Amino acid sequence: MVQEQRELELSWLAKSFETRVWALEKQKDEQIWQLMLRTMELERLRSSLQLENESLQTISRQNQTTIQSLNQAIDLLHRENEEVKSHLAEDVGSCCDMADVTTRVEREGGVSGDGDKLGVRVICGGCGSTEACVVFLPCRHLCACDACGDDTSLCPICREEKSSSITTLVF
């Protein structure tokens, strides 16, 4: 009887352990299953992020190419702007480089009571009697009247050959 009771207790103890082991095994299997699902989800997420990363790298390369292209365009515009500025700087003055040459000028009147400047009248360099109203190009000297401007091929001031002329209105 003692032996039977021992066997019974051992059987009950074995069943108890077996039930606990089976419950723990089932719990562990469920955890493994959850971890496998999480691993698959993370793998899909990694794959998605990898595709997004590749896409963003492609966009980044395209943007870098665009930036380089725009920088080149800006550099070109700066160079063109500098060229225009240099041409404008060259174009500002007379092309004859004769800054010390002056035309005959008559001053009329004086300073008025309200502070106006003296009136200045440029006399024709050809005939010397009429007011100058023709600008010679390329030197830009205002130095001839209508009659002398049509008849003269050289600027009376710098002797530069006249390429064209402009008749001005002088007030």
Protein backbone atom coordinates (compact mmCIF):
# COMPACT_ATOMS: atom_id res chain seq x y z
CA MET A 1 0.00 0.00 0.00
CA VAL A 2 2.69 2.43 0.71
CA GLN A 3 4.18 1.51 -2.55
CA GLU A 4 0.89 2.11 -4.35
CA GLN A 5 0.51 5.44 -2.65
CA ARG A 6 4.01 6.37 -3.67
CA GLU A 7 3.31 5.41 -7.23
CA LEU A 8 0.09 7.37 -7.11
CA GLU A 9 1.87 10.43 -5.74
CA LEU A 10 4.62 10.08 -8.34
CA SER A 11 2.01 9.73 -11.06
CA TRP A 12 0.16 12.78 -9.79
CA LEU A 13 3.46 14.72 -9.51
CA ALA A 14 4.48 13.63 -13.01
CA LYS A 15 1.09 14.75 -14.41
CA SER A 16 1.39 18.02 -12.59
CA PHE A 17 4.86 18.62 -14.03
CA GLU A 18 3.71 17.43 -17.40
CA THR A 19 0.78 19.88 -17.32
CA ARG A 20 3.05 22.74 -16.27
CA VAL A 21 5.68 21.85 -18.87
CA TRP A 22 3.00 21.57 -21.51
CA ALA A 23 1.57 25.02 -20.50
CA LEU A 24 5.05 26.57 -20.50
CA GLU A 25 5.84 24.91 -23.82
CA LYS A 26 2.60 26.26 -25.29
CA GLN A 27 3.38 29.74 -23.89
CA LYS A 28 6.90 29.61 -25.35
CA ASP A 29 5.56 28.41 -28.73
CA GLU A 30 3.13 31.35 -28.72
CA GLN A 31 6.01 33.75 -27.92
CA ILE A 32 8.10 32.22 -30.71
CA TRP A 33 5.15 32.63 -33.09
CA GLN A 34 4.70 36.29 -32.04
CA LEU A 35 8.44 36.89 -32.47
CA MET A 36 8.35 35.31 -35.93
CA LEU A 37 5.42 37.57 -36.91
CA ARG A 38 7.28 40.61 -35.51
CA THR A 39 10.43 39.55 -37.39
CA MET A 40 8.47 39.28 -40.65
CA GLU A 41 6.87 42.69 -39.99
CA LEU A 42 10.27 44.24 -39.28
CA GLU A 43 11.71 42.61 -42.41
CA ARG A 44 8.89 44.13 -44.51
CA LEU A 45 9.51 47.49 -42.84
CA ARG A 46 13.26 47.19 -43.48
CA SER A 47 12.60 46.37 -47.12
CA SER A 48 10.21 49.31 -47.43
CA LEU A 49 12.72 51.65 -45.79
CA GLN A 50 15.46 50.37 -48.08
CA LEU A 51 13.33 51.18 -51.14
CA GLU A 52 12.51 54.60 -49.70
CA ASN A 53 16.20 55.20 -48.98
CA GLU A 54 17.13 54.30 -52.57
CA SER A 55 14.38 56.59 -53.85
CA LEU A 56 15.58 59.45 -51.65
CA GLN A 57 19.17 58.89 -52.76
CA THR A 58 18.04 59.09 -56.39
CA ILE A 59 16.16 62.31 -55.66
CA SER A 60 19.22 63.63 -53.81
CA ARG A 61 21.45 62.90 -56.81
CA GLN A 62 18.95 64.61 -59.11
CA ASN A 63 18.84 67.63 -56.78
CA GLN A 64 22.63 67.76 -56.68
CA THR A 65 22.71 67.70 -60.48
CA THR A 66 20.11 70.48 -60.56
CA ILE A 67 22.12 72.50 -58.02
CA GLN A 68 25.29 72.08 -60.09
CA SER A 69 23.43 73.13 -63.21
CA LEU A 70 21.96 76.18 -61.45
CA ASN A 71 25.37 77.11 -60.01
CA GLN A 72 26.86 76.90 -63.50
CA ALA A 73 24.04 79.08 -64.83
CA ILE A 74 24.62 81.59 -62.02
CA ASP A 75 28.36 81.62 -62.74
CA LEU A 76 27.63 82.16 -66.43
CA LEU A 77 25.25 85.01 -65.60
CA HIS A 78 27.86 86.56 -63.30
CA ARG A 79 30.47 86.35 -66.07
CA GLU A 80 28.02 87.83 -68.58
CA ASN A 81 27.11 90.54 -66.08
CA GLU A 82 30.80 91.35 -65.60
CA GLU A 83 31.26 91.49 -69.38
CA VAL A 84 28.26 93.81 -69.70
CA LYS A 85 29.60 95.96 -66.87
CA SER A 86 33.01 96.15 -68.51
CA HIS A 87 31.42 97.05 -71.84
CA LEU A 88 29.26 99.65 -70.11
CA ALA A 89 32.31 101.02 -68.32
CA GLU A 90 34.09 101.25 -71.67
CA ASP A 91 30.96 102.73 -73.24
CA VAL A 92 30.47 105.42 -70.58
CA GLY A 93 33.06 107.82 -71.86
CA SER A 94 34.26 109.03 -75.18
CA CYS A 95 36.25 106.47 -77.12
CA CYS A 96 38.89 109.01 -78.10
CA ASP A 97 40.53 109.15 -74.63
CA MET A 98 41.11 112.86 -74.96
CA ALA A 99 39.82 114.13 -71.63
CA ASP A 100 41.91 117.31 -71.83
CA VAL A 101 40.37 118.49 -75.12
CA THR A 102 37.60 121.05 -74.58
CA THR A 103 35.10 122.73 -76.83
CA ARG A 104 34.40 126.37 -76.94
CA VAL A 105 31.71 127.17 -74.45
CA GLU A 106 29.88 130.43 -73.91
CA ARG A 107 28.29 131.10 -70.56
CA GLU A 108 25.06 132.99 -70.63
CA GLY A 109 23.62 135.02 -67.82
CA GLY A 110 24.58 134.49 -64.17
CA VAL A 111 23.29 132.73 -61.10
CA SER A 112 19.63 133.50 -60.62
CA GLY A 113 18.22 134.58 -57.32
CA ASP A 114 16.86 131.09 -56.54
CA GLY A 115 20.26 129.37 -57.01
CA ASP A 116 19.93 128.03 -60.60
CA LYS A 117 23.20 127.10 -62.32
CA LEU A 118 24.68 129.13 -65.12
CA GLY A 119 23.36 128.31 -68.59
CA VAL A 120 25.98 126.68 -70.82
CA ARG A 121 25.95 126.90 -74.60
CA VAL A 122 28.26 124.71 -76.72
CA ILE A 123 29.37 126.35 -79.97
CA CYS A 124 29.81 124.37 -83.21
CA GLY A 125 33.41 123.24 -83.73
CA GLY A 126 33.00 123.50 -87.52
CA CYS A 127 31.63 126.97 -88.22
CA GLY A 128 32.16 128.46 -84.76
CA SER A 129 29.00 130.56 -84.89
CA THR A 130 26.03 128.27 -84.26
CA GLU A 131 25.03 126.31 -81.16
CA ALA A 132 26.10 122.64 -81.36
CA CYS A 133 23.28 120.10 -81.46
CA VAL A 134 24.87 117.05 -83.15
CA VAL A 135 26.63 114.30 -81.15
CA PHE A 136 29.26 112.38 -83.08
CA LEU A 137 29.54 108.63 -82.54
CA PRO A 138 31.51 106.71 -81.35
CA CYS A 139 33.35 109.52 -79.54
CA ARG A 140 30.15 111.19 -78.24
CA HIS A 141 31.30 114.73 -78.60
CA LEU A 142 28.55 117.35 -78.83
CA CYS A 143 30.43 119.58 -81.22
CA ALA A 144 28.61 120.46 -84.45
CA CYS A 145 25.51 122.21 -85.68
CA ASP A 146 23.05 120.54 -88.09
CA ALA A 147 24.75 121.95 -91.19
CA CYS A 148 28.32 121.10 -90.14
CA GLY A 149 27.28 117.71 -88.71
CA ASP A 150 25.99 116.57 -92.10
CA ASP A 151 29.06 117.82 -93.98
CA THR A 152 31.79 116.62 -91.56
CA SER A 153 33.14 113.05 -91.52
CA LEU A 154 35.66 113.62 -88.68
CA CYS A 155 34.91 114.86 -85.17
CA PRO A 156 36.20 118.47 -84.91
CA ILE A 157 37.44 117.81 -81.37
CA CYS A 158 39.29 114.47 -81.49
CA ARG A 159 39.45 113.82 -85.26
CA GLU A 160 37.84 110.38 -84.73
CA GLU A 161 36.03 109.18 -87.83
CA LYS A 162 32.29 109.61 -87.46
CA SER A 163 30.37 106.32 -87.73
CA SER A 164 27.03 108.04 -87.15
CA SER A 165 25.59 111.07 -85.44
CA ILE A 166 22.62 112.00 -83.29
CA THR A 167 20.83 115.30 -83.47
CA THR A 168 19.86 116.47 -80.00
CA LEU A 169 17.40 118.99 -78.65
CA VAL A 170 19.27 121.50 -76.51
CA PHE A 171 17.24 123.62 -74.10
